[in-house]
Amino acid sequence: MQASSFEDFFIAIKRNDVPALRQLAQRGFDMNTRNEAGDPGLVLAIRDGSGAVAQYLVSEKSVNIEARTAKDESALMLAALKGELDLARRLIARQAEVNKPGWTPLHYAATHPGNASVDMVRLMLEHHAYIDAESPNGTTPLMMAAQYGQPAVVQLLLDEGADPLIKNQRGLTAMDFAHRAGRAASAEMIAAVVRARQPKGKW
């Protein structure tokens, strides 16, 4: 029965089937069970777009919301990447780690190309996300926004004090990221901040 429950659990997640999960929970099945790849159910639900299941799992106090994937991705990171603002708020209310070491939820929020990204980045900053957090290869949220995100997110990060002069391990700045991605508007926003920082000459 346990083997079939294991399969049922991941089928229910994929199908966004909350009643099936409730039945499993009532039978004592562990909602923290991981799949063969080691990924926890909550992260899978967010990744697969199974919103009702994700909300159900977050509401279950027994669910470990900080369970990470093999790539060290948390539920909050996936919610940030997908622009799931309400879910991110609920995860933070359950003490999800905003400033985890390595890649952070703010990196992922800055990467989201959709309209929710500005509010998501603001949410992370309101909960004391470190604005110049460096990934294992030295990449900052501003760099991610410059290459993948909305120009409005680039502007928000700059307005909130993100440092445009930081270089990653390959020696690239946020402006380099913007230029390489052909994002002229973001590159100009960053250039304007860099110019404003330069000392004025005395004549």
N, C-alpha and C. Protein backbone atom coordinates (compact mmCIF):
# COMPACT_ATOMS: atom_id res chain seq x y z
N MET A 1 0.82 -1.21 0.00
CA MET A 1 0.00 0.00 0.00
C MET A 1 0.86 1.26 0.00
N GLN A 2 2.03 1.18 0.72
CA GLN A 2 2.88 2.36 0.81
C GLN A 2 3.42 2.75 -0.56
N ALA A 3 3.82 1.74 -1.36
CA ALA A 3 4.36 2.02 -2.70
C ALA A 3 3.31 2.72 -3.54
N SER A 4 2.05 2.24 -3.44
CA SER A 4 1.00 2.86 -4.24
C SER A 4 0.68 4.26 -3.73
N SER A 5 0.80 4.46 -2.41
CA SER A 5 0.59 5.80 -1.84
C SER A 5 1.66 6.76 -2.35
N PHE A 6 2.90 6.27 -2.46
CA PHE A 6 4.01 7.07 -2.97
C PHE A 6 3.66 7.58 -4.38
N GLU A 7 3.21 6.69 -5.23
CA GLU A 7 2.85 7.08 -6.60
C GLU A 7 1.65 8.03 -6.58
N ASP A 8 0.66 7.68 -5.75
CA ASP A 8 -0.55 8.51 -5.67
C ASP A 8 -0.23 9.95 -5.27
N PHE A 9 0.73 10.09 -4.37
CA PHE A 9 1.11 11.41 -3.87
C PHE A 9 1.60 12.30 -5.02
N PHE A 10 2.49 11.77 -5.83
CA PHE A 10 3.06 12.59 -6.91
C PHE A 10 2.09 12.77 -8.08
N ILE A 11 1.21 11.79 -8.28
CA ILE A 11 0.15 11.96 -9.29
C ILE A 11 -0.80 13.08 -8.85
N ALA A 12 -1.15 13.10 -7.56
CA ALA A 12 -2.05 14.14 -7.04
C ALA A 12 -1.43 15.53 -7.19
N ILE A 13 -0.14 15.62 -6.95
CA ILE A 13 0.56 16.91 -7.12
C ILE A 13 0.48 17.34 -8.58
N LYS A 14 0.80 16.43 -9.48
CA LYS A 14 0.81 16.74 -10.91
C LYS A 14 -0.58 17.17 -11.38
N ARG A 15 -1.61 16.52 -10.84
CA ARG A 15 -2.99 16.81 -11.26
C ARG A 15 -3.63 17.94 -10.48
N ASN A 16 -2.88 18.51 -9.54
CA ASN A 16 -3.42 19.61 -8.70
C ASN A 16 -4.67 19.15 -7.94
N ASP A 17 -4.58 17.93 -7.40
CA ASP A 17 -5.73 17.25 -6.79
C ASP A 17 -5.64 17.30 -5.26
N VAL A 18 -6.21 18.34 -4.67
CA VAL A 18 -6.15 18.52 -3.22
C VAL A 18 -6.93 17.43 -2.47
N PRO A 19 -8.16 17.04 -2.89
CA PRO A 19 -8.87 15.97 -2.17
C PRO A 19 -8.06 14.67 -2.07
N ALA A 20 -7.34 14.32 -3.13
CA ALA A 20 -6.51 13.10 -3.10
C ALA A 20 -5.40 13.24 -2.06
N LEU A 21 -4.80 14.43 -1.97
CA LEU A 21 -3.76 14.65 -0.97
C LEU A 21 -4.33 14.58 0.44
N ARG A 22 -5.51 15.15 0.61
CA ARG A 22 -6.15 15.10 1.94
C ARG A 22 -6.38 13.65 2.38
N GLN A 23 -6.83 12.84 1.46
CA GLN A 23 -7.05 11.41 1.77
C GLN A 23 -5.75 10.74 2.19
N LEU A 24 -4.69 11.03 1.46
CA LEU A 24 -3.38 10.46 1.80
C LEU A 24 -2.93 10.92 3.18
N ALA A 25 -3.13 12.21 3.47
CA ALA A 25 -2.73 12.75 4.77
C ALA A 25 -3.51 12.07 5.89
N GLN A 26 -4.80 11.84 5.65
CA GLN A 26 -5.64 11.18 6.67
C GLN A 26 -5.18 9.74 6.92
N ARG A 27 -4.59 9.13 5.89
CA ARG A 27 -4.08 7.76 6.05
C ARG A 27 -2.68 7.75 6.63
N GLY A 28 -2.17 8.93 6.97
CA GLY A 28 -0.86 9.01 7.63
C GLY A 28 0.32 9.13 6.69
N PHE A 29 0.04 9.40 5.40
CA PHE A 29 1.16 9.54 4.45
C PHE A 29 1.91 10.84 4.73
N ASP A 30 3.23 10.78 4.68
CA ASP A 30 4.08 11.93 4.99
C ASP A 30 4.08 12.93 3.82
N MET A 31 3.57 14.14 4.07
CA MET A 31 3.50 15.16 3.02
C MET A 31 4.88 15.74 2.67
N ASN A 32 5.91 15.33 3.41
CA ASN A 32 7.29 15.77 3.10
C ASN A 32 8.03 14.76 2.22
N THR A 33 7.33 13.75 1.76
CA THR A 33 7.97 12.71 0.93
C THR A 33 8.58 13.33 -0.33
N ARG A 34 9.77 12.84 -0.67
CA ARG A 34 10.48 13.33 -1.87
C ARG A 34 10.37 12.30 -2.99
N ASN A 35 10.45 12.79 -4.23
CA ASN A 35 10.42 11.86 -5.37
C ASN A 35 11.80 11.22 -5.56
N GLU A 36 11.94 10.40 -6.59
CA GLU A 36 13.20 9.68 -6.81
C GLU A 36 14.38 10.62 -7.00
N ALA A 37 14.12 11.83 -7.51
CA ALA A 37 15.20 12.80 -7.72
C ALA A 37 15.54 13.58 -6.45
N GLY A 38 14.76 13.31 -5.39
CA GLY A 38 15.02 13.99 -4.12
C GLY A 38 14.29 15.31 -3.98
N ASP A 39 13.32 15.58 -4.85
CA ASP A 39 12.60 16.86 -4.79
C ASP A 39 11.37 16.74 -3.89
N PRO A 40 11.19 17.69 -2.96
CA PRO A 40 10.02 17.65 -2.08
C PRO A 40 8.73 18.03 -2.82
N GLY A 41 7.61 17.50 -2.32
CA GLY A 41 6.32 17.72 -2.98
C GLY A 41 5.95 19.18 -3.14
N LEU A 42 6.22 20.00 -2.13
CA LEU A 42 5.84 21.41 -2.21
C LEU A 42 6.55 22.11 -3.36
N VAL A 43 7.85 21.87 -3.49
CA VAL A 43 8.60 22.49 -4.58
C VAL A 43 8.08 22.01 -5.93
N LEU A 44 7.78 20.71 -6.03
CA LEU A 44 7.24 20.17 -7.28
C LEU A 44 5.91 20.81 -7.64
N ALA A 45 5.06 21.01 -6.63
CA ALA A 45 3.75 21.62 -6.89
C ALA A 45 3.90 23.02 -7.47
N ILE A 46 4.83 23.79 -6.92
CA ILE A 46 5.05 25.16 -7.43
C ILE A 46 5.65 25.10 -8.82
N ARG A 47 6.61 24.24 -9.02
CA ARG A 47 7.26 24.13 -10.32
C ARG A 47 6.27 23.70 -11.41
N ASP A 48 5.34 22.79 -11.04
CA ASP A 48 4.38 22.27 -12.03
C ASP A 48 3.16 23.17 -12.21
N GLY A 49 3.08 24.25 -11.45
CA GLY A 49 1.92 25.13 -11.56
C GLY A 49 0.67 24.58 -10.91
N SER A 50 0.85 23.65 -9.96
CA SER A 50 -0.28 23.08 -9.23
C SER A 50 -0.60 23.96 -8.02
N GLY A 51 -1.24 25.09 -8.31
CA GLY A 51 -1.41 26.14 -7.30
C GLY A 51 -2.23 25.73 -6.10
N ALA A 52 -3.33 25.00 -6.31
CA ALA A 52 -4.18 24.60 -5.18
C ALA A 52 -3.44 23.65 -4.26
N VAL A 53 -2.68 22.73 -4.84
CA VAL A 53 -1.89 21.78 -4.05
C VAL A 53 -0.80 22.53 -3.27
N ALA A 54 -0.14 23.47 -3.93
CA ALA A 54 0.90 24.25 -3.25
C ALA A 54 0.32 24.99 -2.05
N GLN A 55 -0.84 25.62 -2.24
CA GLN A 55 -1.48 26.34 -1.14
C GLN A 55 -1.85 25.38 0.00
N TYR A 56 -2.36 24.21 -0.36
CA TYR A 56 -2.73 23.21 0.65
C TYR A 56 -1.49 22.78 1.45
N LEU A 57 -0.39 22.48 0.76
CA LEU A 57 0.81 22.02 1.44
C LEU A 57 1.40 23.10 2.35
N VAL A 58 1.36 24.35 1.91
CA VAL A 58 1.86 25.44 2.75
C VAL A 58 1.01 25.58 4.01
N SER A 59 -0.28 25.28 3.89
CA SER A 59 -1.18 25.42 5.06
C SER A 59 -1.02 24.28 6.06
N GLU A 60 -0.36 23.20 5.63
CA GLU A 60 -0.16 22.05 6.52
C GLU A 60 1.08 22.27 7.38
N LYS A 61 0.88 22.39 8.69
CA LYS A 61 2.00 22.71 9.59
C LYS A 61 3.09 21.65 9.60
N SER A 62 2.72 20.42 9.23
CA SER A 62 3.73 19.34 9.23
C SER A 62 4.69 19.45 8.04
N VAL A 63 4.32 20.25 7.05
CA VAL A 63 5.16 20.35 5.84
C VAL A 63 6.35 21.26 6.12
N ASN A 64 7.53 20.75 5.82
CA ASN A 64 8.77 21.51 5.97
C ASN A 64 8.93 22.42 4.76
N ILE A 65 8.66 23.71 4.93
CA ILE A 65 8.69 24.62 3.77
C ILE A 65 10.11 24.96 3.34
N GLU A 66 11.11 24.58 4.16
CA GLU A 66 12.51 24.83 3.78
C GLU A 66 13.18 23.62 3.16
N ALA A 67 12.43 22.55 2.91
CA ALA A 67 13.01 21.38 2.24
C ALA A 67 13.51 21.80 0.86
N ARG A 68 14.75 21.47 0.54
CA ARG A 68 15.38 21.93 -0.70
C ARG A 68 15.52 20.79 -1.71
N THR A 69 15.63 21.17 -2.96
CA THR A 69 15.91 20.19 -4.01
C THR A 69 17.40 19.88 -4.02
N ALA A 70 17.78 18.95 -4.89
CA ALA A 70 19.20 18.61 -5.02
C ALA A 70 20.01 19.82 -5.50
N LYS A 71 19.34 20.77 -6.16
CA LYS A 71 20.02 21.99 -6.63
C LYS A 71 19.93 23.11 -5.59
N ASP A 72 19.49 22.78 -4.37
CA ASP A 72 19.39 23.73 -3.27
C ASP A 72 18.32 24.79 -3.51
N GLU A 73 17.28 24.43 -4.25
CA GLU A 73 16.17 25.36 -4.48
C GLU A 73 15.09 25.15 -3.42
N SER A 74 14.61 26.26 -2.87
CA SER A 74 13.55 26.21 -1.86
C SER A 74 12.20 26.55 -2.49
N ALA A 75 11.14 26.29 -1.73
CA ALA A 75 9.79 26.63 -2.21
C ALA A 75 9.68 28.13 -2.47
N LEU A 76 10.27 28.95 -1.60
CA LEU A 76 10.19 30.40 -1.78
C LEU A 76 10.90 30.83 -3.06
N MET A 77 12.01 30.21 -3.37
CA MET A 77 12.73 30.53 -4.60
C MET A 77 11.86 30.24 -5.82
N LEU A 78 11.19 29.08 -5.82
CA LEU A 78 10.34 28.72 -6.96
C LEU A 78 9.13 29.64 -7.06
N ALA A 79 8.54 30.00 -5.90
CA ALA A 79 7.40 30.92 -5.91
C ALA A 79 7.84 32.28 -6.47
N ALA A 80 9.04 32.72 -6.10
CA ALA A 80 9.57 33.99 -6.60
C ALA A 80 9.81 33.93 -8.10
N LEU A 81 10.36 32.83 -8.57
CA LEU A 81 10.66 32.66 -9.99
C LEU A 81 9.39 32.64 -10.83
N LYS A 82 8.32 32.06 -10.26
CA LYS A 82 7.05 31.92 -10.99
C LYS A 82 6.15 33.14 -10.82
N GLY A 83 6.53 34.10 -9.98
CA GLY A 83 5.70 35.28 -9.77
C GLY A 83 4.46 34.99 -8.92
N GLU A 84 4.52 33.96 -8.07
CA GLU A 84 3.38 33.57 -7.22
C GLU A 84 3.41 34.39 -5.92
N LEU A 85 2.89 35.60 -6.00
CA LEU A 85 3.02 36.57 -4.92
C LEU A 85 2.32 36.14 -3.63
N ASP A 86 1.09 35.68 -3.76
CA ASP A 86 0.34 35.27 -2.57
C ASP A 86 1.02 34.09 -1.88
N LEU A 87 1.48 33.15 -2.67
CA LEU A 87 2.18 31.99 -2.12
C LEU A 87 3.48 32.41 -1.43
N ALA A 88 4.21 33.33 -2.05
CA ALA A 88 5.45 33.83 -1.44
C ALA A 88 5.16 34.49 -0.10
N ARG A 89 4.09 35.28 -0.04
CA ARG A 89 3.73 35.92 1.23
C ARG A 89 3.43 34.88 2.31
N ARG A 90 2.71 33.84 1.92
CA ARG A 90 2.36 32.80 2.89
C ARG A 90 3.59 32.02 3.34
N LEU A 91 4.52 31.78 2.44
CA LEU A 91 5.76 31.10 2.80
C LEU A 91 6.59 31.95 3.77
N ILE A 92 6.66 33.25 3.49
CA ILE A 92 7.41 34.15 4.39
C ILE A 92 6.73 34.22 5.75
N ALA A 93 5.40 34.20 5.76
CA ALA A 93 4.67 34.20 7.03
C ALA A 93 4.99 32.95 7.85
N ARG A 94 5.36 31.88 7.15
CA ARG A 94 5.78 30.64 7.83
C ARG A 94 7.29 30.58 8.03
N GLN A 95 7.93 31.74 7.98
CA GLN A 95 9.38 31.87 8.27
C GLN A 95 10.27 31.24 7.19
N ALA A 96 9.82 31.26 5.95
CA ALA A 96 10.71 30.81 4.87
C ALA A 96 11.95 31.70 4.86
N GLU A 97 13.08 31.09 4.54
CA GLU A 97 14.37 31.81 4.63
C GLU A 97 14.55 32.72 3.41
N VAL A 98 14.49 34.02 3.66
CA VAL A 98 14.65 35.00 2.57
C VAL A 98 16.12 35.12 2.18
N ASN A 99 17.01 35.03 3.16
CA ASN A 99 18.44 35.21 2.90
C ASN A 99 19.22 33.91 3.02
N LYS A 100 18.76 32.87 2.32
CA LYS A 100 19.52 31.62 2.35
C LYS A 100 20.86 31.81 1.62
N PRO A 101 21.90 31.09 2.04
CA PRO A 101 23.20 31.21 1.35
C PRO A 101 23.10 30.73 -0.10
N GLY A 102 24.00 31.21 -0.94
CA GLY A 102 24.01 30.81 -2.35
C GLY A 102 22.98 31.60 -3.14
N TRP A 103 22.38 30.93 -4.13
CA TRP A 103 21.29 31.57 -4.87
C TRP A 103 20.15 31.85 -3.90
N THR A 104 19.55 33.02 -4.00
CA THR A 104 18.52 33.44 -3.04
C THR A 104 17.17 33.64 -3.72
N PRO A 105 16.09 33.73 -2.93
CA PRO A 105 14.80 34.08 -3.51
C PRO A 105 14.83 35.40 -4.27
N LEU A 106 15.65 36.36 -3.83
CA LEU A 106 15.72 37.65 -4.54
C LEU A 106 16.32 37.48 -5.93
N HIS A 107 17.34 36.63 -6.07
CA HIS A 107 17.87 36.32 -7.41
C HIS A 107 16.75 35.82 -8.32
N TYR A 108 15.94 34.90 -7.77
CA TYR A 108 14.88 34.29 -8.57
C TYR A 108 13.76 35.29 -8.86
N ALA A 109 13.43 36.12 -7.88
CA ALA A 109 12.39 37.14 -8.09
C ALA A 109 12.81 38.11 -9.18
N ALA A 110 14.09 38.49 -9.19
CA ALA A 110 14.59 39.45 -10.17
C ALA A 110 14.61 38.87 -11.58
N THR A 111 14.60 37.55 -11.68
CA THR A 111 14.67 36.87 -12.97
C THR A 111 13.31 36.76 -13.65
N HIS A 112 12.25 36.77 -12.86
CA HIS A 112 10.90 36.56 -13.41
C HIS A 112 10.56 37.65 -14.43
N PRO A 113 10.16 37.27 -15.65
CA PRO A 113 9.91 38.27 -16.69
C PRO A 113 8.52 38.89 -16.65
N GLY A 114 7.64 38.37 -15.81
CA GLY A 114 6.25 38.82 -15.81
C GLY A 114 5.99 40.05 -14.97
N ASN A 115 4.73 40.48 -14.98
CA ASN A 115 4.35 41.73 -14.31
C ASN A 115 4.41 41.67 -12.79
N ALA A 116 4.39 40.45 -12.23
CA ALA A 116 4.43 40.32 -10.77
C ALA A 116 5.83 40.56 -10.20
N SER A 117 6.82 40.67 -11.07
CA SER A 117 8.21 40.68 -10.59
C SER A 117 8.54 41.89 -9.73
N VAL A 118 8.00 43.06 -10.06
CA VAL A 118 8.31 44.26 -9.26
C VAL A 118 7.79 44.09 -7.83
N ASP A 119 6.54 43.63 -7.72
CA ASP A 119 5.97 43.42 -6.39
C ASP A 119 6.70 42.31 -5.64
N MET A 120 7.14 41.30 -6.36
CA MET A 120 7.86 40.19 -5.72
C MET A 120 9.20 40.66 -5.19
N VAL A 121 9.93 41.42 -5.99
CA VAL A 121 11.22 41.96 -5.54
C VAL A 121 11.01 42.88 -4.33
N ARG A 122 9.97 43.71 -4.42
CA ARG A 122 9.68 44.61 -3.30
C ARG A 122 9.37 43.81 -2.03
N LEU A 123 8.61 42.73 -2.18
CA LEU A 123 8.28 41.87 -1.03
C LEU A 123 9.55 41.32 -0.39
N MET A 124 10.49 40.85 -1.21
CA MET A 124 11.74 40.31 -0.66
C MET A 124 12.53 41.40 0.07
N LEU A 125 12.59 42.58 -0.53
CA LEU A 125 13.33 43.68 0.11
C LEU A 125 12.67 44.12 1.41
N GLU A 126 11.33 44.12 1.43
CA GLU A 126 10.62 44.47 2.66
C GLU A 126 10.93 43.50 3.79
N HIS A 127 11.28 42.28 3.42
CA HIS A 127 11.63 41.27 4.43
C HIS A 127 13.14 41.08 4.52
N HIS A 128 13.84 42.19 4.26
CA HIS A 128 15.28 42.31 4.54
C HIS A 128 16.16 41.41 3.67
N ALA A 129 15.71 41.15 2.43
CA ALA A 129 16.59 40.43 1.51
C ALA A 129 17.83 41.28 1.26
N TYR A 130 19.00 40.64 1.28
CA TYR A 130 20.25 41.36 1.03
C TYR A 130 20.32 41.69 -0.47
N ILE A 131 20.32 42.98 -0.78
CA ILE A 131 20.13 43.42 -2.17
C ILE A 131 21.29 43.04 -3.08
N ASP A 132 22.51 42.96 -2.54
CA ASP A 132 23.66 42.60 -3.36
C ASP A 132 24.13 41.17 -3.07
N ALA A 133 23.20 40.30 -2.71
CA ALA A 133 23.54 38.90 -2.44
C ALA A 133 24.29 38.31 -3.64
N GLU A 134 25.36 37.58 -3.36
CA GLU A 134 26.15 36.99 -4.44
C GLU A 134 25.93 35.48 -4.48
N SER A 135 25.62 34.98 -5.66
CA SER A 135 25.46 33.54 -5.87
C SER A 135 26.84 32.89 -5.76
N PRO A 136 26.93 31.55 -5.83
CA PRO A 136 28.24 30.91 -5.77
C PRO A 136 29.23 31.40 -6.82
N ASN A 137 28.75 31.92 -7.96
CA ASN A 137 29.68 32.45 -8.97
C ASN A 137 29.72 33.99 -8.97
N GLY A 138 29.21 34.58 -7.88
CA GLY A 138 29.33 36.03 -7.72
C GLY A 138 28.26 36.85 -8.42
N THR A 139 27.23 36.20 -8.93
CA THR A 139 26.16 36.92 -9.63
C THR A 139 25.19 37.54 -8.63
N THR A 140 24.79 38.79 -8.87
CA THR A 140 23.87 39.51 -7.99
C THR A 140 22.46 39.53 -8.58
N PRO A 141 21.45 39.84 -7.75
CA PRO A 141 20.09 39.99 -8.29
C PRO A 141 20.01 41.03 -9.40
N LEU A 142 20.77 42.13 -9.29
CA LEU A 142 20.75 43.16 -10.33
C LEU A 142 21.23 42.58 -11.67
N MET A 143 22.25 41.74 -11.63
CA MET A 143 22.74 41.11 -12.86
C MET A 143 21.65 40.23 -13.49
N MET A 144 20.95 39.46 -12.64
CA MET A 144 19.88 38.60 -13.14
C MET A 144 18.75 39.42 -13.75
N ALA A 145 18.39 40.51 -13.08
CA ALA A 145 17.34 41.38 -13.60
C ALA A 145 17.77 42.01 -14.93
N ALA A 146 19.05 42.40 -15.01
CA ALA A 146 19.56 43.05 -16.22
C ALA A 146 19.48 42.11 -17.42
N GLN A 147 19.69 40.81 -17.19
CA GLN A 147 19.69 39.86 -18.31
C GLN A 147 18.32 39.29 -18.62
N TYR A 148 17.53 39.01 -17.56
CA TYR A 148 16.29 38.26 -17.77
C TYR A 148 15.01 39.01 -17.38
N GLY A 149 15.12 39.95 -16.44
CA GLY A 149 13.93 40.51 -15.81
C GLY A 149 13.37 41.74 -16.49
N GLN A 150 12.44 42.35 -15.79
CA GLN A 150 11.80 43.57 -16.28
C GLN A 150 12.71 44.79 -16.05
N PRO A 151 12.75 45.74 -16.99
CA PRO A 151 13.48 46.99 -16.73
C PRO A 151 13.02 47.68 -15.44
N ALA A 152 11.73 47.54 -15.12
CA ALA A 152 11.22 48.16 -13.89
C ALA A 152 11.86 47.54 -12.65
N VAL A 153 12.22 46.26 -12.73
CA VAL A 153 12.91 45.61 -11.61
C VAL A 153 14.34 46.14 -11.51
N VAL A 154 15.00 46.31 -12.65
CA VAL A 154 16.34 46.90 -12.67
C VAL A 154 16.30 48.28 -11.98
N GLN A 155 15.31 49.08 -12.36
CA GLN A 155 15.19 50.42 -11.78
C GLN A 155 14.92 50.35 -10.28
N LEU A 156 14.04 49.45 -9.87
CA LEU A 156 13.73 49.31 -8.44
C LEU A 156 14.97 48.93 -7.65
N LEU A 157 15.73 47.96 -8.13
CA LEU A 157 16.94 47.54 -7.42
C LEU A 157 17.95 48.68 -7.34
N LEU A 158 18.10 49.42 -8.43
CA LEU A 158 19.01 50.57 -8.42
C LEU A 158 18.53 51.63 -7.42
N ASP A 159 17.22 51.92 -7.45
CA ASP A 159 16.66 52.92 -6.54
C ASP A 159 16.85 52.52 -5.08
N GLU A 160 16.83 51.21 -4.82
CA GLU A 160 16.95 50.71 -3.45
C GLU A 160 18.41 50.52 -3.03
N GLY A 161 19.34 50.87 -3.94
CA GLY A 161 20.76 50.88 -3.55
C GLY A 161 21.61 49.73 -4.04
N ALA A 162 21.12 48.93 -4.99
CA ALA A 162 21.95 47.85 -5.54
C ALA A 162 23.21 48.44 -6.18
N ASP A 163 24.33 47.77 -5.99
CA ASP A 163 25.61 48.27 -6.49
C ASP A 163 25.82 47.79 -7.93
N PRO A 164 25.83 48.73 -8.92
CA PRO A 164 25.97 48.32 -10.31
C PRO A 164 27.41 48.00 -10.71
N LEU A 165 28.36 48.24 -9.82
CA LEU A 165 29.78 48.06 -10.18
C LEU A 165 30.35 46.72 -9.74
N ILE A 166 29.57 45.93 -8.99
CA ILE A 166 30.04 44.60 -8.58
C ILE A 166 30.30 43.75 -9.82
N LYS A 167 31.39 42.96 -9.77
CA LYS A 167 31.69 42.04 -10.86
C LYS A 167 31.55 40.60 -10.36
N ASN A 168 31.06 39.72 -11.23
CA ASN A 168 30.99 38.31 -10.85
C ASN A 168 32.34 37.65 -11.10
N GLN A 169 32.41 36.34 -10.93
CA GLN A 169 33.71 35.65 -11.05
C GLN A 169 34.28 35.70 -12.46
N ARG A 170 33.43 36.00 -13.43
CA ARG A 170 33.92 36.14 -14.82
C ARG A 170 34.25 37.59 -15.16
N GLY A 171 34.19 38.47 -14.15
CA GLY A 171 34.52 39.87 -14.35
C GLY A 171 33.44 40.69 -15.01
N LEU A 172 32.20 40.19 -14.99
CA LEU A 172 31.09 40.89 -15.65
C LEU A 172 30.28 41.69 -14.64
N THR A 173 29.89 42.91 -15.04
CA THR A 173 29.01 43.74 -14.23
C THR A 173 27.57 43.59 -14.72
N ALA A 174 26.64 44.20 -13.99
CA ALA A 174 25.23 44.16 -14.41
C ALA A 174 25.06 44.78 -15.80
N MET A 175 25.83 45.83 -16.09
CA MET A 175 25.72 46.45 -17.42
C MET A 175 26.16 45.48 -18.51
N ASP A 176 27.19 44.69 -18.22
CA ASP A 176 27.63 43.67 -19.18
C ASP A 176 26.51 42.66 -19.43
N PHE A 177 25.83 42.26 -18.36
CA PHE A 177 24.71 41.31 -18.51
C PHE A 177 23.63 41.90 -19.42
N ALA A 178 23.31 43.18 -19.20
CA ALA A 178 22.27 43.83 -20.00
C ALA A 178 22.69 43.92 -21.47
N HIS A 179 23.94 44.30 -21.73
CA HIS A 179 24.42 44.43 -23.11
C HIS A 179 24.42 43.06 -23.81
N ARG A 180 24.89 42.03 -23.10
CA ARG A 180 24.95 40.69 -23.70
C ARG A 180 23.56 40.17 -24.06
N ALA A 181 22.55 40.60 -23.30
CA ALA A 181 21.17 40.15 -23.57
C ALA A 181 20.43 41.09 -24.52
N GLY A 182 21.11 42.14 -24.99
CA GLY A 182 20.48 43.09 -25.91
C GLY A 182 19.37 43.91 -25.26
N ARG A 183 19.55 44.21 -23.97
CA ARG A 183 18.52 44.95 -23.23
C ARG A 183 18.97 46.40 -23.03
N ALA A 184 18.71 47.19 -24.05
CA ALA A 184 19.21 48.56 -24.08
C ALA A 184 18.63 49.42 -22.95
N ALA A 185 17.34 49.28 -22.67
CA ALA A 185 16.71 50.11 -21.63
C ALA A 185 17.34 49.85 -20.27
N SER A 186 17.55 48.57 -19.95
CA SER A 186 18.15 48.23 -18.66
C SER A 186 19.60 48.71 -18.61
N ALA A 187 20.32 48.55 -19.73
CA ALA A 187 21.72 49.00 -19.77
C ALA A 187 21.81 50.50 -19.52
N GLU A 188 20.90 51.27 -20.10
CA GLU A 188 20.92 52.73 -19.94
C GLU A 188 20.60 53.13 -18.50
N MET A 189 19.65 52.43 -17.87
CA MET A 189 19.34 52.72 -16.46
C MET A 189 20.58 52.52 -15.58
N ILE A 190 21.27 51.42 -15.82
CA ILE A 190 22.47 51.13 -15.03
C ILE A 190 23.55 52.16 -15.32
N ALA A 191 23.74 52.49 -16.61
CA ALA A 191 24.76 53.47 -17.00
C ALA A 191 24.50 54.83 -16.34
N ALA A 192 23.24 55.22 -16.24
CA ALA A 192 22.89 56.51 -15.62
C ALA A 192 23.31 56.54 -14.16
N VAL A 193 23.12 55.44 -13.46
CA VAL A 193 23.52 55.39 -12.04
C VAL A 193 25.04 55.42 -11.91
N VAL A 194 25.72 54.69 -12.79
CA VAL A 194 27.19 54.67 -12.77
C VAL A 194 27.74 56.07 -13.05
N ARG A 195 27.15 56.75 -14.05
CA ARG A 195 27.61 58.12 -14.36
C ARG A 195 27.39 59.06 -13.18
N ALA A 196 26.25 58.93 -12.52
CA ALA A 196 25.92 59.82 -11.40
C ALA A 196 26.89 59.61 -10.23
N ARG A 197 27.47 58.43 -10.13
CA ARG A 197 28.40 58.13 -9.04
C ARG A 197 29.79 58.71 -9.27
N GLN A 198 30.11 58.98 -10.54
CA GLN A 198 31.47 59.42 -10.85
C GLN A 198 31.69 60.85 -10.36
N PRO A 199 32.87 61.12 -9.79
CA PRO A 199 33.12 62.47 -9.26
C PRO A 199 33.10 63.50 -10.37
N LYS A 200 32.52 64.65 -10.05
CA LYS A 200 32.46 65.75 -11.03
C LYS A 200 33.85 66.40 -11.13
N GLY A 201 34.25 66.69 -12.34
CA GLY A 201 35.56 67.36 -12.53
C GLY A 201 35.50 68.82 -12.09
N LYS A 202 36.63 69.33 -11.65
CA LYS A 202 36.69 70.75 -11.25
C LYS A 202 37.40 71.52 -12.34
N TRP A 203 36.77 72.61 -12.76
CA TRP A 203 37.35 73.38 -13.87
C TRP A 203 37.81 74.73 -13.35
